[in-house]
């Protein structure tokens, strides 16, 4: 599995527009180009961080070839309008190959909170 990590500074007041655009683009990339989805986060410094999972780096590279159509032009325009101009939308800050994957979506069923 391959992961691309992205970071942006969203303009004040554009947070909802950015999230909507991110949802549109992420869903379209999943449906059109074979990604495994993405998660959006907010960092303590106020920046927005997303990581996108792909079956492998080759699939990610193929999806971002310049001759391919933009997955969701409206969503992409929303993103572009929402971020500070110094941030490149499509350039990841990290490209990672997953070696082990122990991430879960639910806690272990016998997990108990102890004081």
PDB file of N, CA and C in Angstrom:
ATOM      1  N   UNK A   1       0.847  -1.176   0.000  1.00  0.00           N
ATOM      2  CA  UNK A   1       0.000   0.000   0.000  1.00  0.00           C
ATOM      3  C   UNK A   1       0.894   1.241   0.000  1.00  0.00           C
ATOM      4  N   UNK A   2       0.421   2.275  -0.634  1.00  0.00           N
ATOM      5  CA  UNK A   2       1.143   3.543  -0.752  1.00  0.00           C
ATOM      6  C   UNK A   2       0.271   4.654  -0.164  1.00  0.00           C
ATOM      7  N   UNK A   3       0.914   5.607   0.499  1.00  0.00           N
ATOM      8  CA  UNK A   3       0.201   6.729   1.110  1.00  0.00           C
ATOM      9  C   UNK A   3       0.855   8.035   0.673  1.00  0.00           C
ATOM     10  N   UNK A   4       0.038   8.980   0.253  1.00  0.00           N
ATOM     11  CA  UNK A   4       0.500  10.340  -0.048  1.00  0.00           C
ATOM     12  C   UNK A   4      -0.099  11.264   1.008  1.00  0.00           C
ATOM     13  N   UNK A   5       0.755  12.095   1.617  1.00  0.00           N
ATOM     14  CA  UNK A   5       0.318  13.014   2.668  1.00  0.00           C
ATOM     15  C   UNK A   5       0.378  14.439   2.121  1.00  0.00           C
ATOM     16  N   UNK A   6      -0.702  15.171   2.329  1.00  0.00           N
ATOM     17  CA  UNK A   6      -0.827  16.545   1.830  1.00  0.00           C
ATOM     18  C   UNK A   6      -1.057  17.489   3.004  1.00  0.00           C
ATOM     19  N   UNK A   7      -0.594  18.743   2.858  1.00  0.00           N
ATOM     20  CA  UNK A   7      -0.788  19.755   3.906  1.00  0.00           C
ATOM     21  C   UNK A   7      -1.160  21.074   3.245  1.00  0.00           C
ATOM     22  N   UNK A   8      -2.152  21.760   3.834  1.00  0.00           N
ATOM     23  CA  UNK A   8      -2.591  23.058   3.328  1.00  0.00           C
ATOM     24  C   UNK A   8      -2.868  24.019   4.468  1.00  0.00           C
ATOM     25  N   UNK A   9      -2.792  25.295   4.162  1.00  0.00           N
ATOM     26  CA  UNK A   9      -3.306  26.360   5.034  1.00  0.00           C
ATOM     27  C   UNK A   9      -4.579  26.851   4.373  1.00  0.00           C
ATOM     28  N   UNK A  10      -5.676  26.749   5.087  1.00  0.00           N
ATOM     29  CA  UNK A  10      -6.968  27.175   4.563  1.00  0.00           C
ATOM     30  C   UNK A  10      -7.199  28.621   4.981  1.00  0.00           C
ATOM     31  N   UNK A  11      -7.668  29.427   4.044  1.00  0.00           N
ATOM     32  CA  UNK A  11      -7.960  30.834   4.332  1.00  0.00           C
ATOM     33  C   UNK A  11      -9.043  30.925   5.409  1.00  0.00           C
ATOM     34  N   UNK A  12      -8.914  31.878   6.333  1.00  0.00           N
ATOM     35  CA  UNK A  12      -9.961  32.059   7.347  1.00  0.00           C
ATOM     36  C   UNK A  12     -11.319  32.305   6.682  1.00  0.00           C
ATOM     37  N   UNK A  13     -12.335  31.626   7.185  1.00  0.00           N
ATOM     38  CA  UNK A  13     -13.677  31.761   6.634  1.00  0.00           C
ATOM     39  C   UNK A  13     -13.975  30.813   5.484  1.00  0.00           C
ATOM     40  N   UNK A  14     -12.976  30.075   5.001  1.00  0.00           N
ATOM     41  CA  UNK A  14     -13.150  29.164   3.868  1.00  0.00           C
ATOM     42  C   UNK A  14     -13.157  27.689   4.298  1.00  0.00           C
ATOM     43  N   UNK A  15     -13.203  27.441   5.586  1.00  0.00           N
ATOM     44  CA  UNK A  15     -13.094  26.069   6.082  1.00  0.00           C
ATOM     45  C   UNK A  15     -14.191  25.148   5.529  1.00  0.00           C
ATOM     46  N   UNK A  16     -15.436  25.594   5.562  1.00  0.00           N
ATOM     47  CA  UNK A  16     -16.545  24.757   5.070  1.00  0.00           C
ATOM     48  C   UNK A  16     -16.414  24.503   3.570  1.00  0.00           C
ATOM     49  N   UNK A  17     -16.014  25.518   2.833  1.00  0.00           N
ATOM     50  CA  UNK A  17     -15.836  25.366   1.385  1.00  0.00           C
ATOM     51  C   UNK A  17     -14.707  24.377   1.089  1.00  0.00           C
ATOM     52  N   UNK A  18     -13.623  24.478   1.850  1.00  0.00           N
ATOM     53  CA  UNK A  18     -12.511  23.559   1.667  1.00  0.00           C
ATOM     54  C   UNK A  18     -12.953  22.121   1.931  1.00  0.00           C
ATOM     55  N   UNK A  19     -13.644  21.901   3.049  1.00  0.00           N
ATOM     56  CA  UNK A  19     -14.097  20.550   3.388  1.00  0.00           C
ATOM     57  C   UNK A  19     -15.018  19.980   2.314  1.00  0.00           C
ATOM     58  N   UNK A  20     -15.935  20.795   1.826  1.00  0.00           N
ATOM     59  CA  UNK A  20     -16.851  20.328   0.785  1.00  0.00           C
ATOM     60  C   UNK A  20     -16.084  19.960  -0.492  1.00  0.00           C
ATOM     61  N   UNK A  21     -15.136  20.819  -0.866  1.00  0.00           N
ATOM     62  CA  UNK A  21     -14.318  20.526  -2.043  1.00  0.00           C
ATOM     63  C   UNK A  21     -13.482  19.273  -1.858  1.00  0.00           C
ATOM     64  N   UNK A  22     -12.906  19.133  -0.665  1.00  0.00           N
ATOM     65  CA  UNK A  22     -12.098  17.951  -0.374  1.00  0.00           C
ATOM     66  C   UNK A  22     -12.941  16.683  -0.476  1.00  0.00           C
ATOM     67  N   UNK A  23     -14.153  16.713   0.071  1.00  0.00           N
ATOM     68  CA  UNK A  23     -15.049  15.554  -0.013  1.00  0.00           C
ATOM     69  C   UNK A  23     -15.361  15.197  -1.464  1.00  0.00           C
ATOM     70  N   UNK A  24     -15.681  16.209  -2.259  1.00  0.00           N
ATOM     71  CA  UNK A  24     -16.014  15.974  -3.670  1.00  0.00           C
ATOM     72  C   UNK A  24     -14.838  15.345  -4.419  1.00  0.00           C
ATOM     73  N   UNK A  25     -13.669  15.936  -4.264  1.00  0.00           N
ATOM     74  CA  UNK A  25     -12.489  15.443  -4.984  1.00  0.00           C
ATOM     75  C   UNK A  25     -12.099  14.051  -4.494  1.00  0.00           C
ATOM     76  N   UNK A  26     -12.099  13.851  -3.196  1.00  0.00           N
ATOM     77  CA  UNK A  26     -11.725  12.551  -2.640  1.00  0.00           C
ATOM     78  C   UNK A  26     -12.660  11.450  -3.117  1.00  0.00           C
ATOM     79  N   UNK A  27     -13.960  11.708  -3.090  1.00  0.00           N
ATOM     80  CA  UNK A  27     -14.922  10.705  -3.558  1.00  0.00           C
ATOM     81  C   UNK A  27     -14.760  10.430  -5.052  1.00  0.00           C
ATOM     82  N   UNK A  28     -14.518  11.470  -5.823  1.00  0.00           N
ATOM     83  CA  UNK A  28     -14.353  11.299  -7.269  1.00  0.00           C
ATOM     84  C   UNK A  28     -13.081  10.520  -7.595  1.00  0.00           C
ATOM     85  N   UNK A  29     -11.993  10.813  -6.899  1.00  0.00           N
ATOM     86  CA  UNK A  29     -10.736  10.094  -7.134  1.00  0.00           C
ATOM     87  C   UNK A  29     -10.907   8.617  -6.771  1.00  0.00           C
ATOM     88  N   UNK A  30     -11.620   8.347  -5.705  1.00  0.00           N
ATOM     89  CA  UNK A  30     -11.904   6.963  -5.315  1.00  0.00           C
ATOM     90  C   UNK A  30     -12.688   6.240  -6.414  1.00  0.00           C
ATOM     91  N   UNK A  31     -13.712   6.890  -6.926  1.00  0.00           N
ATOM     92  CA  UNK A  31     -14.584   6.266  -7.925  1.00  0.00           C
ATOM     93  C   UNK A  31     -13.934   6.164  -9.307  1.00  0.00           C
ATOM     94  N   UNK A  32     -13.162   7.174  -9.676  1.00  0.00           N
ATOM     95  CA  UNK A  32     -12.623   7.228 -11.040  1.00  0.00           C
ATOM     96  C   UNK A  32     -11.231   6.622 -11.205  1.00  0.00           C
ATOM     97  N   UNK A  33     -10.399   6.726 -10.158  1.00  0.00           N
ATOM     98  CA  UNK A  33      -8.988   6.399 -10.339  1.00  0.00           C
ATOM     99  C   UNK A  33      -8.447   5.315  -9.415  1.00  0.00           C
ATOM    100  N   UNK A  34      -9.309   4.706  -8.596  1.00  0.00           N
ATOM    101  CA  UNK A  34      -8.876   3.544  -7.831  1.00  0.00           C
ATOM    102  C   UNK A  34      -8.128   3.805  -6.544  1.00  0.00           C
ATOM    103  N   UNK A  35      -8.297   4.979  -5.945  1.00  0.00           N
ATOM    104  CA  UNK A  35      -7.675   5.196  -4.641  1.00  0.00           C
ATOM    105  C   UNK A  35      -8.394   4.336  -3.605  1.00  0.00           C
ATOM    106  N   UNK A  36      -7.823   4.250  -2.431  1.00  0.00           N
ATOM    107  CA  UNK A  36      -8.448   3.529  -1.325  1.00  0.00           C
ATOM    108  C   UNK A  36      -9.073   4.497  -0.331  1.00  0.00           C
ATOM    109  N   UNK A  37      -9.228   5.743  -0.738  1.00  0.00           N
ATOM    110  CA  UNK A  37      -9.836   6.748   0.128  1.00  0.00           C
ATOM    111  C   UNK A  37      -8.801   7.614   0.814  1.00  0.00           C
ATOM    112  N   UNK A  38      -9.288   8.502   1.661  1.00  0.00           N
ATOM    113  CA  UNK A  38      -8.426   9.474   2.318  1.00  0.00           C
ATOM    114  C   UNK A  38      -9.050   9.889   3.640  1.00  0.00           C
ATOM    115  N   UNK A  39      -8.240  10.453   4.518  1.00  0.00           N
ATOM    116  CA  UNK A  39      -8.711  11.031   5.776  1.00  0.00           C
ATOM    117  C   UNK A  39      -8.202  12.457   5.856  1.00  0.00           C
ATOM    118  N   UNK A  40      -9.063  13.329   6.367  1.00  0.00           N
ATOM    119  CA  UNK A  40      -8.712  14.742   6.524  1.00  0.00           C
ATOM    120  C   UNK A  40      -8.550  15.044   8.005  1.00  0.00           C
ATOM    121  N   UNK A  41      -7.483  15.772   8.330  1.00  0.00           N
ATOM    122  CA  UNK A  41      -7.166  16.096   9.719  1.00  0.00           C
ATOM    123  C   UNK A  41      -6.898  17.588   9.860  1.00  0.00           C
ATOM    124  N   UNK A  42      -6.970  18.064  11.083  1.00  0.00           N
ATOM    125  CA  UNK A  42      -6.579  19.432  11.414  1.00  0.00           C
ATOM    126  C   UNK A  42      -5.409  19.339  12.377  1.00  0.00           C
ATOM    127  N   UNK A  43      -4.295  19.969  12.056  1.00  0.00           N
ATOM    128  CA  UNK A  43      -3.109  19.953  12.903  1.00  0.00           C
ATOM    129  C   UNK A  43      -3.233  21.026  13.982  1.00  0.00           C
ATOM    130  N   UNK A  44      -2.465  20.876  15.052  1.00  0.00           N
ATOM    131  CA  UNK A  44      -2.486  21.846  16.147  1.00  0.00           C
ATOM    132  C   UNK A  44      -2.052  23.232  15.684  1.00  0.00           C
ATOM    133  N   UNK A  45      -1.239  23.309  14.627  1.00  0.00           N
ATOM    134  CA  UNK A  45      -0.788  24.611  14.125  1.00  0.00           C
ATOM    135  C   UNK A  45      -1.820  25.282  13.217  1.00  0.00           C
ATOM    136  N   UNK A  46      -2.987  24.635  13.031  1.00  0.00           N
ATOM    137  CA  UNK A  46      -4.044  25.213  12.206  1.00  0.00           C
ATOM    138  C   UNK A  46      -4.038  24.747  10.766  1.00  0.00           C
ATOM    139  N   UNK A  47      -2.992  24.037  10.355  1.00  0.00           N
ATOM    140  CA  UNK A  47      -2.973  23.549   8.976  1.00  0.00           C
ATOM    141  C   UNK A  47      -3.880  22.326   8.849  1.00  0.00           C
ATOM    142  N   UNK A  48      -4.234  22.029   7.623  1.00  0.00           N
ATOM    143  CA  UNK A  48      -5.078  20.879   7.311  1.00  0.00           C
ATOM    144  C   UNK A  48      -4.200  19.821   6.663  1.00  0.00           C
ATOM    145  N   UNK A  49      -4.354  18.581   7.081  1.00  0.00           N
ATOM    146  CA  UNK A  49      -3.522  17.488   6.604  1.00  0.00           C
ATOM    147  C   UNK A  49      -4.432  16.350   6.146  1.00  0.00           C
ATOM    148  N   UNK A  50      -4.124  15.789   5.003  1.00  0.00           N
ATOM    149  CA  UNK A  50      -4.855  14.617   4.521  1.00  0.00           C
ATOM    150  C   UNK A  50      -3.853  13.566   4.097  1.00  0.00           C
ATOM    151  N   UNK A  51      -4.205  12.335   4.327  1.00  0.00           N
ATOM    152  CA  UNK A  51      -3.412  11.273   3.726  1.00  0.00           C
ATOM    153  C   UNK A  51      -4.333  10.407   2.892  1.00  0.00           C
ATOM    154  N   UNK A  52      -3.849  10.088   1.721  1.00  0.00           N
ATOM    155  CA  UNK A  52      -4.612   9.304   0.756  1.00  0.00           C
ATOM    156  C   UNK A  52      -3.933   7.957   0.569  1.00  0.00           C
ATOM    157  N   UNK A  53      -4.708   6.899   0.650  1.00  0.00           N
ATOM    158  CA  UNK A  53      -4.168   5.556   0.484  1.00  0.00           C
ATOM    159  C   UNK A  53      -4.419   5.059  -0.937  1.00  0.00           C
ATOM    160  N   UNK A  54      -3.428   4.340  -1.447  1.00  0.00           N
ATOM    161  CA  UNK A  54      -3.480   3.780  -2.793  1.00  0.00           C
ATOM    162  C   UNK A  54      -2.986   2.346  -2.747  1.00  0.00           C
ATOM    163  N   UNK A  55      -3.411   1.512  -3.691  1.00  0.00           N
ATOM    164  CA  UNK A  55      -2.902   0.136  -3.711  1.00  0.00           C
ATOM    165  C   UNK A  55      -1.371   0.092  -3.810  1.00  0.00           C
ATOM    166  N   UNK A  56      -0.800   1.000  -4.605  1.00  0.00           N
ATOM    167  CA  UNK A  56       0.651   1.088  -4.746  1.00  0.00           C
ATOM    168  C   UNK A  56       0.995   2.442  -5.368  1.00  0.00           C
ATOM    169  N   UNK A  57       2.282   2.757  -5.392  1.00  0.00           N
ATOM    170  CA  UNK A  57       2.714   4.056  -5.919  1.00  0.00           C
ATOM    171  C   UNK A  57       2.408   4.192  -7.407  1.00  0.00           C
ATOM    172  N   UNK A  58       2.478   3.098  -8.144  1.00  0.00           N
ATOM    173  CA  UNK A  58       2.189   3.156  -9.582  1.00  0.00           C
ATOM    174  C   UNK A  58       0.748   3.599  -9.833  1.00  0.00           C
ATOM    175  N   UNK A  59      -0.193   3.110  -9.046  1.00  0.00           N
ATOM    176  CA  UNK A  59      -1.601   3.514  -9.201  1.00  0.00           C
ATOM    177  C   UNK A  59      -1.766   4.997  -8.900  1.00  0.00           C
ATOM    178  N   UNK A  60      -1.062   5.494  -7.868  1.00  0.00           N
ATOM    179  CA  UNK A  60      -1.121   6.920  -7.518  1.00  0.00           C
ATOM    180  C   UNK A  60      -0.555   7.764  -8.660  1.00  0.00           C
ATOM    181  N   UNK A  61       0.605   7.373  -9.169  1.00  0.00           N
ATOM    182  CA  UNK A  61       1.223   8.128 -10.269  1.00  0.00           C
ATOM    183  C   UNK A  61       0.328   8.140 -11.506  1.00  0.00           C
ATOM    184  N   UNK A  62      -0.255   7.015 -11.840  1.00  0.00           N
ATOM    185  CA  UNK A  62      -1.132   6.932 -13.004  1.00  0.00           C
ATOM    186  C   UNK A  62      -2.350   7.845 -12.839  1.00  0.00           C
ATOM    187  N   UNK A  63      -2.891   7.920 -11.637  1.00  0.00           N
ATOM    188  CA  UNK A  63      -4.068   8.759 -11.392  1.00  0.00           C
ATOM    189  C   UNK A  63      -3.767  10.238 -11.602  1.00  0.00           C
ATOM    190  N   UNK A  64      -2.536  10.651 -11.341  1.00  0.00           N
ATOM    191  CA  UNK A  64      -2.198  12.074 -11.429  1.00  0.00           C
ATOM    192  C   UNK A  64      -1.469  12.433 -12.715  1.00  0.00           C
ATOM    193  N   UNK A  65      -1.512  11.573 -13.715  1.00  0.00           N
ATOM    194  CA  UNK A  65      -0.931  11.932 -15.005  1.00  0.00           C
ATOM    195  C   UNK A  65      -1.643  13.161 -15.552  1.00  0.00           C
ATOM    196  N   UNK A  66      -0.881  14.043 -16.161  1.00  0.00           N
ATOM    197  CA  UNK A  66      -1.432  15.330 -16.607  1.00  0.00           C
ATOM    198  C   UNK A  66      -2.523  15.197 -17.658  1.00  0.00           C
ATOM    199  N   UNK A  67      -2.526  14.138 -18.445  1.00  0.00           N
ATOM    200  CA  UNK A  67      -3.540  14.028 -19.494  1.00  0.00           C
ATOM    201  C   UNK A  67      -4.884  13.510 -18.973  1.00  0.00           C
ATOM    202  N   UNK A  68      -4.942  13.048 -17.753  1.00  0.00           N
ATOM    203  CA  UNK A  68      -6.211  12.582 -17.191  1.00  0.00           C
ATOM    204  C   UNK A  68      -7.071  13.775 -16.802  1.00  0.00           C
ATOM    205  N   UNK A  69      -8.374  13.655 -16.955  1.00  0.00           N
ATOM    206  CA  UNK A  69      -9.249  14.758 -16.540  1.00  0.00           C
ATOM    207  C   UNK A  69      -9.255  14.899 -15.021  1.00  0.00           C
ATOM    208  N   UNK A  70      -9.472  16.118 -14.548  1.00  0.00           N
ATOM    209  CA  UNK A  70      -9.595  16.355 -13.111  1.00  0.00           C
ATOM    210  C   UNK A  70     -10.807  15.578 -12.622  1.00  0.00           C
ATOM    211  N   UNK A  71     -10.652  14.862 -11.514  1.00  0.00           N
ATOM    212  CA  UNK A  71     -11.701  13.973 -11.023  1.00  0.00           C
ATOM    213  C   UNK A  71     -13.015  14.704 -10.753  1.00  0.00           C
ATOM    214  N   UNK A  72     -12.956  15.885 -10.182  1.00  0.00           N
ATOM    215  CA  UNK A  72     -14.159  16.680  -9.926  1.00  0.00           C
ATOM    216  C   UNK A  72     -13.778  18.149 -10.076  1.00  0.00           C
ATOM    217  N   UNK A  73     -13.967  18.732 -11.254  1.00  0.00           N
ATOM    218  CA  UNK A  73     -13.537  20.114 -11.494  1.00  0.00           C
ATOM    219  C   UNK A  73     -14.140  21.116 -10.511  1.00  0.00           C
ATOM    220  N   UNK A  74     -15.406  20.948 -10.155  1.00  0.00           N
ATOM    221  CA  UNK A  74     -16.035  21.871  -9.203  1.00  0.00           C
ATOM    222  C   UNK A  74     -15.381  21.760  -7.826  1.00  0.00           C
ATOM    223  N   UNK A  75     -15.163  20.540  -7.364  1.00  0.00           N
ATOM    224  CA  UNK A  75     -14.518  20.339  -6.069  1.00  0.00           C
ATOM    225  C   UNK A  75     -13.097  20.867  -6.067  1.00  0.00           C
ATOM    226  N   UNK A  76     -12.363  20.630  -7.153  1.00  0.00           N
ATOM    227  CA  UNK A  76     -10.991  21.118  -7.260  1.00  0.00           C
ATOM    228  C   UNK A  76     -10.956  22.646  -7.206  1.00  0.00           C
ATOM    229  N   UNK A  77     -11.902  23.298  -7.887  1.00  0.00           N
ATOM    230  CA  UNK A  77     -11.973  24.765  -7.861  1.00  0.00           C
ATOM    231  C   UNK A  77     -12.261  25.263  -6.447  1.00  0.00           C
ATOM    232  N   UNK A  78     -13.099  24.545  -5.713  1.00  0.00           N
ATOM    233  CA  UNK A  78     -13.396  24.919  -4.326  1.00  0.00           C
ATOM    234  C   UNK A  78     -12.139  24.823  -3.468  1.00  0.00           C
ATOM    235  N   UNK A  79     -11.376  23.764  -3.649  1.00  0.00           N
ATOM    236  CA  UNK A  79     -10.128  23.612  -2.907  1.00  0.00           C
ATOM    237  C   UNK A  79      -9.153  24.734  -3.249  1.00  0.00           C
ATOM    238  N   UNK A  80      -8.971  24.953  -4.530  1.00  0.00           N
ATOM    239  CA  UNK A  80      -8.012  25.965  -4.997  1.00  0.00           C
ATOM    240  C   UNK A  80      -8.356  27.345  -4.453  1.00  0.00           C
ATOM    241  N   UNK A  81      -9.644  27.661  -4.404  1.00  0.00           N
ATOM    242  CA  UNK A  81     -10.099  28.952  -3.906  1.00  0.00           C
ATOM    243  C   UNK A  81      -9.932  29.083  -2.396  1.00  0.00           C
ATOM    244  N   UNK A  82      -9.845  27.956  -1.689  1.00  0.00           N
ATOM    245  CA  UNK A  82      -9.854  27.958  -0.227  1.00  0.00           C
ATOM    246  C   UNK A  82      -8.480  27.979   0.419  1.00  0.00           C
ATOM    247  N   UNK A  83      -7.438  27.635  -0.326  1.00  0.00           N
ATOM    248  CA  UNK A  83      -6.118  27.531   0.293  1.00  0.00           C
ATOM    249  C   UNK A  83      -5.278  28.774   0.033  1.00  0.00           C
ATOM    250  N   UNK A  84      -4.338  28.997   0.937  1.00  0.00           N
ATOM    251  CA  UNK A  84      -3.380  30.086   0.761  1.00  0.00           C
ATOM    252  C   UNK A  84      -2.606  29.836  -0.534  1.00  0.00           C
ATOM    253  N   UNK A  85      -2.258  30.888  -1.225  1.00  0.00           N
ATOM    254  CA  UNK A  85      -1.660  30.760  -2.558  1.00  0.00           C
ATOM    255  C   UNK A  85      -0.308  30.058  -2.566  1.00  0.00           C
ATOM    256  N   UNK A  86       0.392  30.019  -1.454  1.00  0.00           N
ATOM    257  CA  UNK A  86       1.718  29.395  -1.443  1.00  0.00           C
ATOM    258  C   UNK A  86       1.640  27.865  -1.400  1.00  0.00           C
ATOM    259  N   UNK A  87       0.454  27.313  -1.229  1.00  0.00           N
ATOM    260  CA  UNK A  87       0.320  25.865  -1.117  1.00  0.00           C
ATOM    261  C   UNK A  87      -0.091  25.252  -2.441  1.00  0.00           C
ATOM    262  N   UNK A  88       0.633  24.256  -2.857  1.00  0.00           N
ATOM    263  CA  UNK A  88       0.324  23.524  -4.082  1.00  0.00           C
ATOM    264  C   UNK A  88      -0.691  22.440  -3.744  1.00  0.00           C
ATOM    265  N   UNK A  89      -1.789  22.397  -4.474  1.00  0.00           N
ATOM    266  CA  UNK A  89      -2.855  21.445  -4.157  1.00  0.00           C
ATOM    267  C   UNK A  89      -2.449  19.989  -4.339  1.00  0.00           C
ATOM    268  N   UNK A  90      -1.747  19.682  -5.389  1.00  0.00           N
ATOM    269  CA  UNK A  90      -1.531  18.282  -5.744  1.00  0.00           C
ATOM    270  C   UNK A  90      -0.177  17.724  -5.324  1.00  0.00           C
ATOM    271  N   UNK A  91       0.664  18.516  -4.711  1.00  0.00           N
ATOM    272  CA  UNK A  91       1.986  18.028  -4.335  1.00  0.00           C
ATOM    273  C   UNK A  91       1.987  17.511  -2.900  1.00  0.00           C
ATOM    274  N   UNK A  92       2.237  16.220  -2.710  1.00  0.00           N
ATOM    275  CA  UNK A  92       2.279  15.695  -1.346  1.00  0.00           C
ATOM    276  C   UNK A  92       3.527  16.158  -0.611  1.00  0.00           C
ATOM    277  N   UNK A  93       3.404  16.285   0.716  1.00  0.00           N
ATOM    278  CA  UNK A  93       4.567  16.622   1.531  1.00  0.00           C
ATOM    279  C   UNK A  93       5.336  15.365   1.915  1.00  0.00           C
ATOM    280  N   UNK A  94       4.678  14.212   1.817  1.00  0.00           N
ATOM    281  CA  UNK A  94       5.322  12.924   2.067  1.00  0.00           C
ATOM    282  C   UNK A  94       4.729  11.876   1.140  1.00  0.00           C
ATOM    283  N   UNK A  95       5.584  10.951   0.726  1.00  0.00           N
ATOM    284  CA  UNK A  95       5.154   9.779  -0.038  1.00  0.00           C
ATOM    285  C   UNK A  95       5.661   8.568   0.733  1.00  0.00           C
ATOM    286  N   UNK A  96       4.743   7.744   1.210  1.00  0.00           N
ATOM    287  CA  UNK A  96       5.094   6.665   2.121  1.00  0.00           C
ATOM    288  C   UNK A  96       4.656   5.311   1.583  1.00  0.00           C
ATOM    289  N   UNK A  97       5.497   4.314   1.784  1.00  0.00           N
ATOM    290  CA  UNK A  97       5.123   2.939   1.489  1.00  0.00           C
ATOM    291  C   UNK A  97       4.804   2.257   2.810  1.00  0.00           C
ATOM    292  N   UNK A  98       3.622   1.680   2.918  1.00  0.00           N
ATOM    293  CA  UNK A  98       3.193   1.020   4.149  1.00  0.00           C
ATOM    294  C   UNK A  98       3.946  -0.299   4.294  1.00  0.00           C
ATOM    295  N   UNK A  99       4.585  -0.473   5.457  1.00  0.00           N
ATOM    296  CA  UNK A  99       5.298  -1.710   5.744  1.00  0.00           C
ATOM    297  C   UNK A  99       4.452  -2.652   6.593  1.00  0.00           C
ATOM    298  N   UNK A 100       3.737  -2.092   7.545  1.00  0.00           N
ATOM    299  CA  UNK A 100       2.824  -2.846   8.405  1.00  0.00           C
ATOM    300  C   UNK A 100       1.589  -1.991   8.609  1.00  0.00           C
ATOM    301  N   UNK A 101       0.431  -2.616   8.725  1.00  0.00           N
ATOM    302  CA  UNK A 101      -0.821  -1.873   8.892  1.00  0.00           C
ATOM    303  C   UNK A 101      -1.613  -2.466  10.047  1.00  0.00           C
ATOM    304  N   UNK A 102      -1.655  -1.762  11.166  1.00  0.00           N
ATOM    305  CA  UNK A 102      -2.409  -2.194  12.337  1.00  0.00           C
ATOM    306  C   UNK A 102      -3.498  -1.188  12.688  1.00  0.00           C
ATOM    307  N   UNK A 103      -3.829  -0.301  11.783  1.00  0.00           N
ATOM    308  CA  UNK A 103      -4.852   0.705  12.019  1.00  0.00           C
ATOM    309  C   UNK A 103      -6.224   0.046  12.028  1.00  0.00           C
ATOM    310  N   UNK A 104      -7.043   0.399  13.008  1.00  0.00           N
ATOM    311  CA  UNK A 104      -8.395  -0.143  13.149  1.00  0.00           C
ATOM    312  C   UNK A 104      -9.391   1.007  13.172  1.00  0.00           C
ATOM    313  N   UNK A 105     -10.634   0.726  12.847  1.00  0.00           N
ATOM    314  CA  UNK A 105     -11.667   1.764  12.906  1.00  0.00           C
ATOM    315  C   UNK A 105     -12.470   1.693  14.199  1.00  0.00           C
ATOM    316  N   UNK A 106     -12.310   0.625  14.969  1.00  0.00           N
ATOM    317  CA  UNK A 106     -13.013   0.453  16.240  1.00  0.00           C
ATOM    318  C   UNK A 106     -12.023  -0.030  17.294  1.00  0.00           C
ATOM    319  N   UNK A 107     -12.248   0.337  18.586  1.00  0.00           N
ATOM    320  CA  UNK A 107     -11.383  -0.198  19.637  1.00  0.00           C
ATOM    321  C   UNK A 107     -11.567  -1.714  19.777  1.00  0.00           C
ATOM    322  N   UNK A 108     -10.606  -2.348  20.356  1.00  0.00           N
ATOM    323  CA  UNK A 108     -10.680  -3.773  20.638  1.00  0.00           C
ATOM    324  C   UNK A 108     -11.911  -4.045  21.492  1.00  0.00           C
ATOM    325  N   UNK A 109     -12.626  -5.117  21.204  1.00  0.00           N
ATOM    326  CA  UNK A 109     -13.917  -5.379  21.858  1.00  0.00           C
ATOM    327  C   UNK A 109     -13.814  -5.572  23.366  1.00  0.00           C
ATOM    328  N   UNK A 110     -12.677  -6.023  23.881  1.00  0.00           N
ATOM    329  CA  UNK A 110     -12.514  -6.220  25.326  1.00  0.00           C
ATOM    330  C   UNK A 110     -11.803  -5.061  26.008  1.00  0.00           C
ATOM    331  N   UNK A 111     -11.603  -3.963  25.271  1.00  0.00           N
ATOM    332  CA  UNK A 111     -10.917  -2.794  25.832  1.00  0.00           C
ATOM    333  C   UNK A 111     -11.764  -2.182  26.931  1.00  0.00           C
ATOM    334  N   UNK A 112     -11.138  -1.885  28.073  1.00  0.00           N
ATOM    335  CA  UNK A 112     -11.828  -1.226  29.178  1.00  0.00           C
ATOM    336  C   UNK A 112     -11.033  -0.004  29.586  1.00  0.00           C
ATOM    337  N   UNK A 113     -11.740   1.083  29.810  1.00  0.00           N
ATOM    338  CA  UNK A 113     -11.096   2.305  30.278  1.00  0.00           C
ATOM    339  C   UNK A 113     -10.851   2.158  31.769  1.00  0.00           C
ATOM    340  N   UNK A 114      -9.611   2.390  32.182  1.00  0.00           N
ATOM    341  CA  UNK A 114      -9.295   2.336  33.611  1.00  0.00           C
ATOM    342  C   UNK A 114      -8.904   3.716  34.084  1.00  0.00           C
ATOM    343  N   UNK A 115      -9.364   4.071  35.273  1.00  0.00           N
ATOM    344  CA  UNK A 115      -9.043   5.427  35.792  1.00  0.00           C
ATOM    345  C   UNK A 115      -7.594   5.595  36.142  1.00  0.00           C
TER     346      UNK A 115
END
